[in-house]
Amino acid sequence: AVDGRHLVSYEAGDDHFDWSEGYVGRVQFAIGLQAARLTPAAGSGFP
């Protein structure tokens, strides 16, 4: 149930904000921006 505010996500490899399994918190003032799809480090996985 953690609340949050003023959160910024930039260039996520998957989701910017993801909730599940009974999350009941509140978040206000949240920014997500995708401008490109970045190449990950070798051997680290895949977007």
All heavy atoms as atom14 arrays in JSON, in Angstrom:
{
  "sequence": "AVDGRHLVSYEAGDDHFDWSEGYVGRVQFAIGLQAARLTPAAGSGFP",
  "atom14_mask": [
    [1, 1, 1, 1, 1, 0, 0, 0, 0, 0, 0, 0, 0, 0],
    [1, 1, 1, 1, 1, 1, 1, 0, 0, 0, 0, 0, 0, 0],
    [1, 1, 1, 1, 1, 1, 1, 1, 0, 0, 0, 0, 0, 0],
    [1, 1, 1, 1, 0, 0, 0, 0, 0, 0, 0, 0, 0, 0],
    [1, 1, 1, 1, 1, 1, 1, 1, 1, 1, 1, 0, 0, 0],
    [1, 1, 1, 1, 1, 1, 1, 1, 1, 1, 0, 0, 0, 0],
    [1, 1, 1, 1, 1, 1, 1, 1, 0, 0, 0, 0, 0, 0],
    [1, 1, 1, 1, 1, 1, 1, 0, 0, 0, 0, 0, 0, 0],
    [1, 1, 1, 1, 1, 1, 0, 0, 0, 0, 0, 0, 0, 0],
    [1, 1, 1, 1, 1, 1, 1, 1, 1, 1, 1, 1, 0, 0],
    [1, 1, 1, 1, 1, 1, 1, 1, 1, 0, 0, 0, 0, 0],
    [1, 1, 1, 1, 1, 0, 0, 0, 0, 0, 0, 0, 0, 0],
    [1, 1, 1, 1, 0, 0, 0, 0, 0, 0, 0, 0, 0, 0],
    [1, 1, 1, 1, 1, 1, 1, 1, 0, 0, 0, 0, 0, 0],
    [1, 1, 1, 1, 1, 1, 1, 1, 0, 0, 0, 0, 0, 0],
    [1, 1, 1, 1, 1, 1, 1, 1, 1, 1, 0, 0, 0, 0],
    [1, 1, 1, 1, 1, 1, 1, 1, 1, 1, 1, 0, 0, 0],
    [1, 1, 1, 1, 1, 1, 1, 1, 0, 0, 0, 0, 0, 0],
    [1, 1, 1, 1, 1, 1, 1, 1, 1, 1, 1, 1, 1, 1],
    [1, 1, 1, 1, 1, 1, 0, 0, 0, 0, 0, 0, 0, 0],
    [1, 1, 1, 1, 1, 1, 1, 1, 1, 0, 0, 0, 0, 0],
    [1, 1, 1, 1, 0, 0, 0, 0, 0, 0, 0, 0, 0, 0],
    [1, 1, 1, 1, 1, 1, 1, 1, 1, 1, 1, 1, 0, 0],
    [1, 1, 1, 1, 1, 1, 1, 0, 0, 0, 0, 0, 0, 0],
    [1, 1, 1, 1, 0, 0, 0, 0, 0, 0, 0, 0, 0, 0],
    [1, 1, 1, 1, 1, 1, 1, 1, 1, 1, 1, 0, 0, 0],
    [1, 1, 1, 1, 1, 1, 1, 0, 0, 0, 0, 0, 0, 0],
    [1, 1, 1, 1, 1, 1, 1, 1, 1, 0, 0, 0, 0, 0],
    [1, 1, 1, 1, 1, 1, 1, 1, 1, 1, 1, 0, 0, 0],
    [1, 1, 1, 1, 1, 0, 0, 0, 0, 0, 0, 0, 0, 0],
    [1, 1, 1, 1, 1, 1, 1, 1, 0, 0, 0, 0, 0, 0],
    [1, 1, 1, 1, 0, 0, 0, 0, 0, 0, 0, 0, 0, 0],
    [1, 1, 1, 1, 1, 1, 1, 1, 0, 0, 0, 0, 0, 0],
    [1, 1, 1, 1, 1, 1, 1, 1, 1, 0, 0, 0, 0, 0],
    [1, 1, 1, 1, 1, 0, 0, 0, 0, 0, 0, 0, 0, 0],
    [1, 1, 1, 1, 1, 0, 0, 0, 0, 0, 0, 0, 0, 0],
    [1, 1, 1, 1, 1, 1, 1, 1, 1, 1, 1, 0, 0, 0],
    [1, 1, 1, 1, 1, 1, 1, 1, 0, 0, 0, 0, 0, 0],
    [1, 1, 1, 1, 1, 1, 1, 0, 0, 0, 0, 0, 0, 0],
    [1, 1, 1, 1, 1, 1, 1, 0, 0, 0, 0, 0, 0, 0],
    [1, 1, 1, 1, 1, 0, 0, 0, 0, 0, 0, 0, 0, 0],
    [1, 1, 1, 1, 1, 0, 0, 0, 0, 0, 0, 0, 0, 0],
    [1, 1, 1, 1, 0, 0, 0, 0, 0, 0, 0, 0, 0, 0],
    [1, 1, 1, 1, 1, 1, 0, 0, 0, 0, 0, 0, 0, 0],
    [1, 1, 1, 1, 0, 0, 0, 0, 0, 0, 0, 0, 0, 0],
    [1, 1, 1, 1, 1, 1, 1, 1, 1, 1, 1, 0, 0, 0],
    [1, 1, 1, 1, 1, 1, 1, 0, 0, 0, 0, 0, 0, 0]
  ],
  "atom14_positions": [
    [[0.8, -1.22, 0.0], [0.0, 0.0, 0.0], [0.84, 1.27, 0.0], [0.35, 2.33, 0.38], [-0.92, 0.0, 1.23], [0.0, 0.0, 0.0], [0.0, 0.0, 0.0], [0.0, 0.0, 0.0], [0.0, 0.0, 0.0], [0.0, 0.0, 0.0], [0.0, 0.0, 0.0], [0.0, 0.0, 0.0], [0.0, 0.0, 0.0], [0.0, 0.0, 0.0]],
    [[2.1, 1.2, -0.44], [2.95, 2.38, -0.41], [2.42, 3.44, -1.37], [2.04, 3.15, -2.5], [4.41, 2.01, -0.75], [4.53, 1.38, -2.14], [5.31, 3.23, -0.64], [0.0, 0.0, 0.0], [0.0, 0.0, 0.0], [0.0, 0.0, 0.0], [0.0, 0.0, 0.0], [0.0, 0.0, 0.0], [0.0, 0.0, 0.0], [0.0, 0.0, 0.0]],
    [[2.33, 4.69, -0.88], [1.98, 5.82, -1.72], [3.24, 6.39, -2.36], [4.36, 6.2, -1.86], [1.31, 6.93, -0.89], [-0.05, 6.52, -0.36], [-0.71, 5.67, -0.98], [-0.46, 7.07, 0.69], [0.0, 0.0, 0.0], [0.0, 0.0, 0.0], [0.0, 0.0, 0.0], [0.0, 0.0, 0.0], [0.0, 0.0, 0.0], [0.0, 0.0, 0.0]],
    [[3.07, 7.13, -3.45], [4.21, 7.76, -4.1], [3.79, 9.05, -4.78], [2.61, 9.25, -5.09], [0.0, 0.0, 0.0], [0.0, 0.0, 0.0], [0.0, 0.0, 0.0], [0.0, 0.0, 0.0], [0.0, 0.0, 0.0], [0.0, 0.0, 0.0], [0.0, 0.0, 0.0], [0.0, 0.0, 0.0], [0.0, 0.0, 0.0], [0.0, 0.0, 0.0]],
    [[4.73, 9.93, -5.0], [4.45, 11.13, -5.79], [5.75, 11.63, -6.42], [6.84, 11.35, -5.94], [3.8, 12.22, -4.94], [4.64, 12.74, -3.79], [3.89, 13.78, -2.98], [4.68, 14.27, -1.85], [4.27, 15.2, -1.0], [3.07, 15.75, -1.15], [5.06, 15.59, -0.01], [0.0, 0.0, 0.0], [0.0, 0.0, 0.0], [0.0, 0.0, 0.0]],
    [[5.58, 12.33, -7.54], [6.72, 12.88, -8.29], [7.67, 11.77, -8.72], [8.83, 11.72, -8.34], [7.45, 13.94, -7.46], [6.57, 15.08, -7.04], [6.21, 15.3, -5.74], [5.97, 16.05, -7.77], [5.44, 16.36, -5.66], [5.26, 16.84, -6.88], [0.0, 0.0, 0.0], [0.0, 0.0, 0.0], [0.0, 0.0, 0.0], [0.0, 0.0, 0.0]],
    [[7.13, 10.87, -9.54], [7.9, 9.75, -10.07], [8.1, 9.94, -11.56], [7.17, 10.34, -12.28], [7.17, 8.42, -9.81], [6.74, 8.13, -8.37], [6.1, 6.75, -8.29], [7.91, 8.24, -7.4], [0.0, 0.0, 0.0], [0.0, 0.0, 0.0], [0.0, 0.0, 0.0], [0.0, 0.0, 0.0], [0.0, 0.0, 0.0], [0.0, 0.0, 0.0]],
    [[9.3, 9.6, -12.05], [9.63, 9.78, -13.47], [10.22, 8.49, -14.01], [11.13, 7.91, -13.42], [10.65, 10.93, -13.66], [11.02, 11.07, -15.14], [10.1, 12.24, -13.12], [0.0, 0.0, 0.0], [0.0, 0.0, 0.0], [0.0, 0.0, 0.0], [0.0, 0.0, 0.0], [0.0, 0.0, 0.0], [0.0, 0.0, 0.0], [0.0, 0.0, 0.0]],
    [[9.69, 8.05, -15.15], [10.24, 6.89, -15.86], [10.61, 7.32, -17.27], [9.8, 7.91, -17.99], [9.19, 5.77, -15.92], [9.61, 4.75, -16.8], [0.0, 0.0, 0.0], [0.0, 0.0, 0.0], [0.0, 0.0, 0.0], [0.0, 0.0, 0.0], [0.0, 0.0, 0.0], [0.0, 0.0, 0.0], [0.0, 0.0, 0.0], [0.0, 0.0, 0.0]],
    [[11.84, 7.0, -17.68], [12.32, 7.4, -19.0], [12.97, 6.2, -19.69], [13.83, 5.53, -19.12], [13.33, 8.54, -18.87], [13.94, 9.0, -20.18], [13.14, 9.47, -21.21], [15.32, 8.96, -20.38], [13.68, 9.88, -22.41], [15.88, 9.38, -21.58], [15.06, 9.84, -22.59], [15.61, 10.25, -23.78], [0.0, 0.0, 0.0], [0.0, 0.0, 0.0]],
    [[12.54, 5.92, -20.9], [13.11, 4.87, -21.76], [13.12, 3.51, -21.06], [14.17, 2.9, -20.82], [14.53, 5.24, -22.22], [14.65, 6.58, -22.92], [13.92, 6.66, -24.26], [12.83, 6.09, -24.38], [14.44, 7.31, -25.17], [0.0, 0.0, 0.0], [0.0, 0.0, 0.0], [0.0, 0.0, 0.0], [0.0, 0.0, 0.0], [0.0, 0.0, 0.0]],
    [[11.94, 3.01, -20.74], [11.83, 1.69, -20.11], [12.0, 0.6, -21.15], [11.52, 0.72, -22.28], [10.47, 1.55, -19.42], [0.0, 0.0, 0.0], [0.0, 0.0, 0.0], [0.0, 0.0, 0.0], [0.0, 0.0, 0.0], [0.0, 0.0, 0.0], [0.0, 0.0, 0.0], [0.0, 0.0, 0.0], [0.0, 0.0, 0.0], [0.0, 0.0, 0.0]],
    [[12.65, -0.5, -20.74], [12.75, -1.65, -21.63], [11.46, -2.45, -21.68], [11.22, -3.18, -22.64], [0.0, 0.0, 0.0], [0.0, 0.0, 0.0], [0.0, 0.0, 0.0], [0.0, 0.0, 0.0], [0.0, 0.0, 0.0], [0.0, 0.0, 0.0], [0.0, 0.0, 0.0], [0.0, 0.0, 0.0], [0.0, 0.0, 0.0], [0.0, 0.0, 0.0]],
    [[10.63, -2.32, -20.63], [9.32, -2.96, -20.62], [8.29, -1.9, -20.19], [8.17, -0.88, -20.85], [9.34, -4.18, -19.7], [8.13, -5.1, -19.89], [7.33, -4.85, -20.81], [7.98, -6.07, -19.13], [0.0, 0.0, 0.0], [0.0, 0.0, 0.0], [0.0, 0.0, 0.0], [0.0, 0.0, 0.0], [0.0, 0.0, 0.0], [0.0, 0.0, 0.0]],
    [[7.59, -2.1, -19.1], [6.54, -1.18, -18.7], [7.1, -0.04, -17.85], [8.04, -0.23, -17.07], [5.47, -1.92, -17.9], [5.02, -3.2, -18.59], [4.79, -3.15, -19.82], [4.91, -4.24, -17.91], [0.0, 0.0, 0.0], [0.0, 0.0, 0.0], [0.0, 0.0, 0.0], [0.0, 0.0, 0.0], [0.0, 0.0, 0.0], [0.0, 0.0, 0.0]],
    [[6.48, 1.11, -17.95], [6.89, 2.24, -17.11], [6.39, 2.06, -15.68], [7.14, 2.23, -14.73], [6.4, 3.55, -17.71], [7.12, 3.93, -18.97], [8.25, 4.72, -18.98], [6.87, 3.62, -20.27], [8.67, 4.88, -20.23], [7.85, 4.22, -21.03], [0.0, 0.0, 0.0], [0.0, 0.0, 0.0], [0.0, 0.0, 0.0], [0.0, 0.0, 0.0]],
    [[5.11, 1.73, -15.54], [4.51, 1.53, -14.22], [3.68, 0.25, -14.27], [2.82, 0.1, -15.15], [3.61, 2.71, -13.84], [4.33, 4.03, -13.78], [4.32, 4.91, -14.86], [5.02, 4.4, -12.63], [4.98, 6.12, -14.8], [5.7, 5.62, -12.56], [5.69, 6.48, -13.66], [0.0, 0.0, 0.0], [0.0, 0.0, 0.0], [0.0, 0.0, 0.0]],
    [[3.94, -0.66, -13.34], [3.33, -2.0, -13.36], [2.86, -2.34, -11.96], [3.64, -2.26, -11.0], [4.39, -3.0, -13.83], [3.84, -4.41, -14.07], [2.9, -4.82, -13.36], [4.36, -5.1, -14.95], [0.0, 0.0, 0.0], [0.0, 0.0, 0.0], [0.0, 0.0, 0.0], [0.0, 0.0, 0.0], [0.0, 0.0, 0.0], [0.0, 0.0, 0.0]],
    [[1.55, -2.69, -11.82], [1.06, -3.11, -10.51], [0.33, -4.45, -10.61], [-0.2, -4.8, -11.66], [0.18, -2.05, -9.87], [-1.23, -1.93, -10.4], [-2.28, -2.79, -10.21], [-1.76, -0.85, -11.19], [-3.41, -2.33, -10.82], [-3.14, -1.13, -11.41], [-1.22, 0.34, -11.7], [-3.97, -0.28, -12.15], [-2.06, 1.18, -12.42], [-3.4, 0.87, -12.65]],
    [[0.3, -5.17, -9.49], [-0.39, -6.47, -9.45], [-0.53, -6.92, -8.0], [-0.05, -6.27, -7.07], [0.39, -7.53, -10.25], [1.66, -7.76, -9.67], [0.0, 0.0, 0.0], [0.0, 0.0, 0.0], [0.0, 0.0, 0.0], [0.0, 0.0, 0.0], [0.0, 0.0, 0.0], [0.0, 0.0, 0.0], [0.0, 0.0, 0.0], [0.0, 0.0, 0.0]],
    [[-1.21, -8.04, -7.81], [-1.25, -8.82, -6.58], [-1.77, -8.07, -5.36], [-1.36, -8.28, -4.23], [0.12, -9.43, -6.29], [0.53, -10.41, -7.38], [1.83, -11.12, -7.11], [2.33, -11.06, -5.97], [2.36, -11.75, -8.06], [0.0, 0.0, 0.0], [0.0, 0.0, 0.0], [0.0, 0.0, 0.0], [0.0, 0.0, 0.0], [0.0, 0.0, 0.0]],
    [[-2.73, -7.13, -5.6], [-3.37, -6.46, -4.48], [-2.76, -5.13, -4.09], [-2.96, -4.68, -2.96], [0.0, 0.0, 0.0], [0.0, 0.0, 0.0], [0.0, 0.0, 0.0], [0.0, 0.0, 0.0], [0.0, 0.0, 0.0], [0.0, 0.0, 0.0], [0.0, 0.0, 0.0], [0.0, 0.0, 0.0], [0.0, 0.0, 0.0], [0.0, 0.0, 0.0]],
    [[-2.07, -4.47, -5.01], [-1.51, -3.14, -4.7], [-2.65, -2.14, -4.54], [-3.52, -2.01, -5.42], [-0.56, -2.69, -5.81], [-0.06, -1.28, -5.61], [0.59, -0.92, -4.43], [-0.22, -0.31, -6.59], [1.05, 0.38, -4.24], [0.25, 0.98, -6.41], [0.87, 1.32, -5.24], [1.33, 2.6, -5.05], [0.0, 0.0, 0.0], [0.0, 0.0, 0.0]],
    [[-2.65, -1.39, -3.42], [-3.73, -0.45, -3.14], [-3.2, 0.94, -2.79], [-3.91, 1.74, -2.19], [-4.63, -0.97, -2.0], [-5.38, -2.22, -2.43], [-3.83, -1.23, -0.71], [0.0, 0.0, 0.0], [0.0, 0.0, 0.0], [0.0, 0.0, 0.0], [0.0, 0.0, 0.0], [0.0, 0.0, 0.0], [0.0, 0.0, 0.0], [0.0, 0.0, 0.0]],
    [[-1.96, 1.27, -3.15], [-1.42, 2.58, -2.87], [-1.95, 3.65, -3.82], [-2.71, 3.38, -4.76], [0.0, 0.0, 0.0], [0.0, 0.0, 0.0], [0.0, 0.0, 0.0], [0.0, 0.0, 0.0], [0.0, 0.0, 0.0], [0.0, 0.0, 0.0], [0.0, 0.0, 0.0], [0.0, 0.0, 0.0], [0.0, 0.0, 0.0], [0.0, 0.0, 0.0]],
    [[-1.54, 4.88, -3.56], [-1.89, 6.03, -4.41], [-0.61, 6.67, -4.93], [0.37, 6.79, -4.18], [-2.67, 7.09, -3.62], [-4.1, 6.74, -3.26], [-4.23, 5.96, -1.96], [-3.51, 6.55, -0.83], [-4.0, 7.53, -0.04], [-5.2, 8.03, -0.27], [-3.29, 7.99, 0.99], [0.0, 0.0, 0.0], [0.0, 0.0, 0.0], [0.0, 0.0, 0.0]],
    [[-0.63, 7.11, -6.18], [0.51, 7.8, -6.8], [-0.02, 9.05, -7.47], [-1.0, 9.0, -8.22], [1.22, 6.9, -7.82], [2.29, 7.69, -8.58], [1.84, 5.68, -7.14], [0.0, 0.0, 0.0], [0.0, 0.0, 0.0], [0.0, 0.0, 0.0], [0.0, 0.0, 0.0], [0.0, 0.0, 0.0], [0.0, 0.0, 0.0], [0.0, 0.0, 0.0]],
    [[0.62, 10.18, -7.22], [0.24, 11.42, -7.89], [1.48, 12.09, -8.47], [2.55, 12.05, -7.87], [-0.47, 12.37, -6.92], [-1.08, 13.59, -7.64], [-1.97, 14.44, -6.76], [-1.76, 14.53, -5.56], [-2.97, 15.07, -7.35], [0.0, 0.0, 0.0], [0.0, 0.0, 0.0], [0.0, 0.0, 0.0], [0.0, 0.0, 0.0], [0.0, 0.0, 0.0]],
    [[1.3, 12.7, -9.63], [2.38, 13.37, -10.38], [3.4, 12.34, -10.84], [4.48, 12.18, -10.27], [3.03, 14.48, -9.53], [2.06, 15.4, -8.87], [2.01, 15.54, -7.49], [1.15, 16.13, -9.64], [1.1, 16.37, -6.88], [0.23, 16.97, -9.03], [0.21, 17.09, -7.64], [0.0, 0.0, 0.0], [0.0, 0.0, 0.0], [0.0, 0.0, 0.0]],
    [[3.04, 11.62, -11.89], [3.89, 10.56, -12.45], [4.07, 10.81, -13.94], [3.09, 11.05, -14.66], [3.26, 9.19, -12.22], [0.0, 0.0, 0.0], [0.0, 0.0, 0.0], [0.0, 0.0, 0.0], [0.0, 0.0, 0.0], [0.0, 0.0, 0.0], [0.0, 0.0, 0.0], [0.0, 0.0, 0.0], [0.0, 0.0, 0.0], [0.0, 0.0, 0.0]],
    [[5.32, 10.71, -14.39], [5.66, 10.94, -15.79], [6.31, 9.69, -16.36], [7.21, 9.12, -15.74], [6.65, 12.12, -15.93], [5.98, 13.43, -15.53], [7.18, 12.22, -17.36], [6.95, 14.61, -15.46], [0.0, 0.0, 0.0], [0.0, 0.0, 0.0], [0.0, 0.0, 0.0], [0.0, 0.0, 0.0], [0.0, 0.0, 0.0], [0.0, 0.0, 0.0]],
    [[5.85, 9.27, -17.53], [6.51, 8.22, -18.28], [6.75, 8.69, -19.7], [5.81, 9.18, -20.35], [0.0, 0.0, 0.0], [0.0, 0.0, 0.0], [0.0, 0.0, 0.0], [0.0, 0.0, 0.0], [0.0, 0.0, 0.0], [0.0, 0.0, 0.0], [0.0, 0.0, 0.0], [0.0, 0.0, 0.0], [0.0, 0.0, 0.0], [0.0, 0.0, 0.0]],
    [[7.97, 8.57, -20.19], [8.3, 9.0, -21.55], [9.12, 7.93, -22.24], [10.15, 7.49, -21.71], [9.1, 10.31, -21.53], [9.65, 10.76, -22.9], [8.54, 11.03, -23.89], [10.54, 11.99, -22.74], [0.0, 0.0, 0.0], [0.0, 0.0, 0.0], [0.0, 0.0, 0.0], [0.0, 0.0, 0.0], [0.0, 0.0, 0.0], [0.0, 0.0, 0.0]],
    [[8.66, 7.54, -23.41], [9.42, 6.65, -24.29], [9.72, 7.42, -25.56], [8.82, 7.82, -26.28], [8.61, 5.38, -24.6], [9.43, 4.24, -25.12], [10.23, 3.55, -24.02], [9.78, 3.46, -22.89], [11.41, 3.09, -24.35], [0.0, 0.0, 0.0], [0.0, 0.0, 0.0], [0.0, 0.0, 0.0], [0.0, 0.0, 0.0], [0.0, 0.0, 0.0]],
    [[10.99, 7.66, -25.83], [11.37, 8.36, -27.06], [12.11, 7.45, -28.03], [12.25, 7.76, -29.2], [12.24, 9.57, -26.73], [0.0, 0.0, 0.0], [0.0, 0.0, 0.0], [0.0, 0.0, 0.0], [0.0, 0.0, 0.0], [0.0, 0.0, 0.0], [0.0, 0.0, 0.0], [0.0, 0.0, 0.0], [0.0, 0.0, 0.0], [0.0, 0.0, 0.0]],
    [[12.61, 6.3, -27.54], [13.37, 5.37, -28.36], [13.26, 3.99, -27.72], [12.65, 3.81, -26.67], [14.83, 5.8, -28.46], [0.0, 0.0, 0.0], [0.0, 0.0, 0.0], [0.0, 0.0, 0.0], [0.0, 0.0, 0.0], [0.0, 0.0, 0.0], [0.0, 0.0, 0.0], [0.0, 0.0, 0.0], [0.0, 0.0, 0.0], [0.0, 0.0, 0.0]],
    [[13.84, 3.0, -28.37], [13.93, 1.65, -27.79], [15.42, 1.31, -27.75], [16.04, 1.06, -28.76], [13.15, 0.65, -28.64], [13.03, -0.72, -28.06], [12.31, -0.74, -26.74], [10.93, -0.29, -26.8], [10.16, -0.14, -25.74], [10.63, -0.39, -24.54], [8.92, 0.27, -25.86], [0.0, 0.0, 0.0], [0.0, 0.0, 0.0], [0.0, 0.0, 0.0]],
    [[15.99, 1.33, -26.54], [17.44, 1.21, -26.38], [17.91, -0.23, -26.48], [17.2, -1.17, -26.14], [17.84, 1.78, -25.02], [17.42, 3.23, -24.74], [17.9, 3.65, -23.36], [17.93, 4.17, -25.81], [0.0, 0.0, 0.0], [0.0, 0.0, 0.0], [0.0, 0.0, 0.0], [0.0, 0.0, 0.0], [0.0, 0.0, 0.0], [0.0, 0.0, 0.0]],
    [[19.16, -0.4, -26.93], [19.79, -1.72, -27.02], [20.41, -2.07, -25.68], [21.2, -1.29, -25.14], [20.89, -1.72, -28.1], [20.29, -1.37, -29.36], [21.54, -3.09, -28.21], [0.0, 0.0, 0.0], [0.0, 0.0, 0.0], [0.0, 0.0, 0.0], [0.0, 0.0, 0.0], [0.0, 0.0, 0.0], [0.0, 0.0, 0.0], [0.0, 0.0, 0.0]],
    [[20.1, -3.24, -25.12], [20.64, -3.58, -23.8], [22.09, -4.01, -23.86], [22.65, -4.29, -24.93], [19.74, -4.74, -23.35], [19.29, -5.38, -24.62], [19.15, -4.25, -25.62], [0.0, 0.0, 0.0], [0.0, 0.0, 0.0], [0.0, 0.0, 0.0], [0.0, 0.0, 0.0], [0.0, 0.0, 0.0], [0.0, 0.0, 0.0], [0.0, 0.0, 0.0]],
    [[22.69, -4.11, -22.68], [24.05, -4.61, -22.57], [24.12, -6.05, -23.04], [23.18, -6.83, -22.83], [24.53, -4.5, -21.13], [0.0, 0.0, 0.0], [0.0, 0.0, 0.0], [0.0, 0.0, 0.0], [0.0, 0.0, 0.0], [0.0, 0.0, 0.0], [0.0, 0.0, 0.0], [0.0, 0.0, 0.0], [0.0, 0.0, 0.0], [0.0, 0.0, 0.0]],
    [[25.2, -6.42, -23.67], [25.38, -7.79, -24.15], [25.28, -8.78, -22.99], [25.89, -8.58, -21.94], [26.73, -7.93, -24.84], [0.0, 0.0, 0.0], [0.0, 0.0, 0.0], [0.0, 0.0, 0.0], [0.0, 0.0, 0.0], [0.0, 0.0, 0.0], [0.0, 0.0, 0.0], [0.0, 0.0, 0.0], [0.0, 0.0, 0.0], [0.0, 0.0, 0.0]],
    [[24.48, -9.82, -23.18], [24.34, -10.86, -22.18], [23.4, -10.54, -21.04], [23.23, -11.35, -20.13], [0.0, 0.0, 0.0], [0.0, 0.0, 0.0], [0.0, 0.0, 0.0], [0.0, 0.0, 0.0], [0.0, 0.0, 0.0], [0.0, 0.0, 0.0], [0.0, 0.0, 0.0], [0.0, 0.0, 0.0], [0.0, 0.0, 0.0], [0.0, 0.0, 0.0]],
    [[22.77, -9.36, -21.08], [21.91, -8.96, -19.96], [20.46, -9.35, -20.14], [19.66, -9.27, -19.21], [21.99, -7.45, -19.76], [21.46, -6.77, -20.88], [0.0, 0.0, 0.0], [0.0, 0.0, 0.0], [0.0, 0.0, 0.0], [0.0, 0.0, 0.0], [0.0, 0.0, 0.0], [0.0, 0.0, 0.0], [0.0, 0.0, 0.0], [0.0, 0.0, 0.0]],
    [[20.09, -9.78, -21.34], [18.7, -10.1, -21.63], [18.24, -9.35, -22.86], [19.06, -8.8, -23.62], [0.0, 0.0, 0.0], [0.0, 0.0, 0.0], [0.0, 0.0, 0.0], [0.0, 0.0, 0.0], [0.0, 0.0, 0.0], [0.0, 0.0, 0.0], [0.0, 0.0, 0.0], [0.0, 0.0, 0.0], [0.0, 0.0, 0.0], [0.0, 0.0, 0.0]],
    [[16.93, -9.3, -23.04], [16.36, -8.72, -24.25], [15.23, -7.76, -23.88], [14.52, -7.99, -22.9], [15.83, -9.81, -25.17], [16.86, -10.81, -25.58], [17.04, -11.98, -24.86], [17.69, -10.55, -26.66], [18.0, -12.9, -25.23], [18.66, -11.46, -27.04], [18.82, -12.64, -26.31], [0.0, 0.0, 0.0], [0.0, 0.0, 0.0], [0.0, 0.0, 0.0]],
    [[15.05, -6.7, -24.65], [13.9, -5.82, -24.4], [12.6, -6.6, -24.53], [12.51, -7.58, -25.27], [14.03, -4.76, -25.49], [15.44, -4.84, -25.97], [15.85, -6.26, -25.8], [0.0, 0.0, 0.0], [0.0, 0.0, 0.0], [0.0, 0.0, 0.0], [0.0, 0.0, 0.0], [0.0, 0.0, 0.0], [0.0, 0.0, 0.0], [0.0, 0.0, 0.0]]
  ]
}
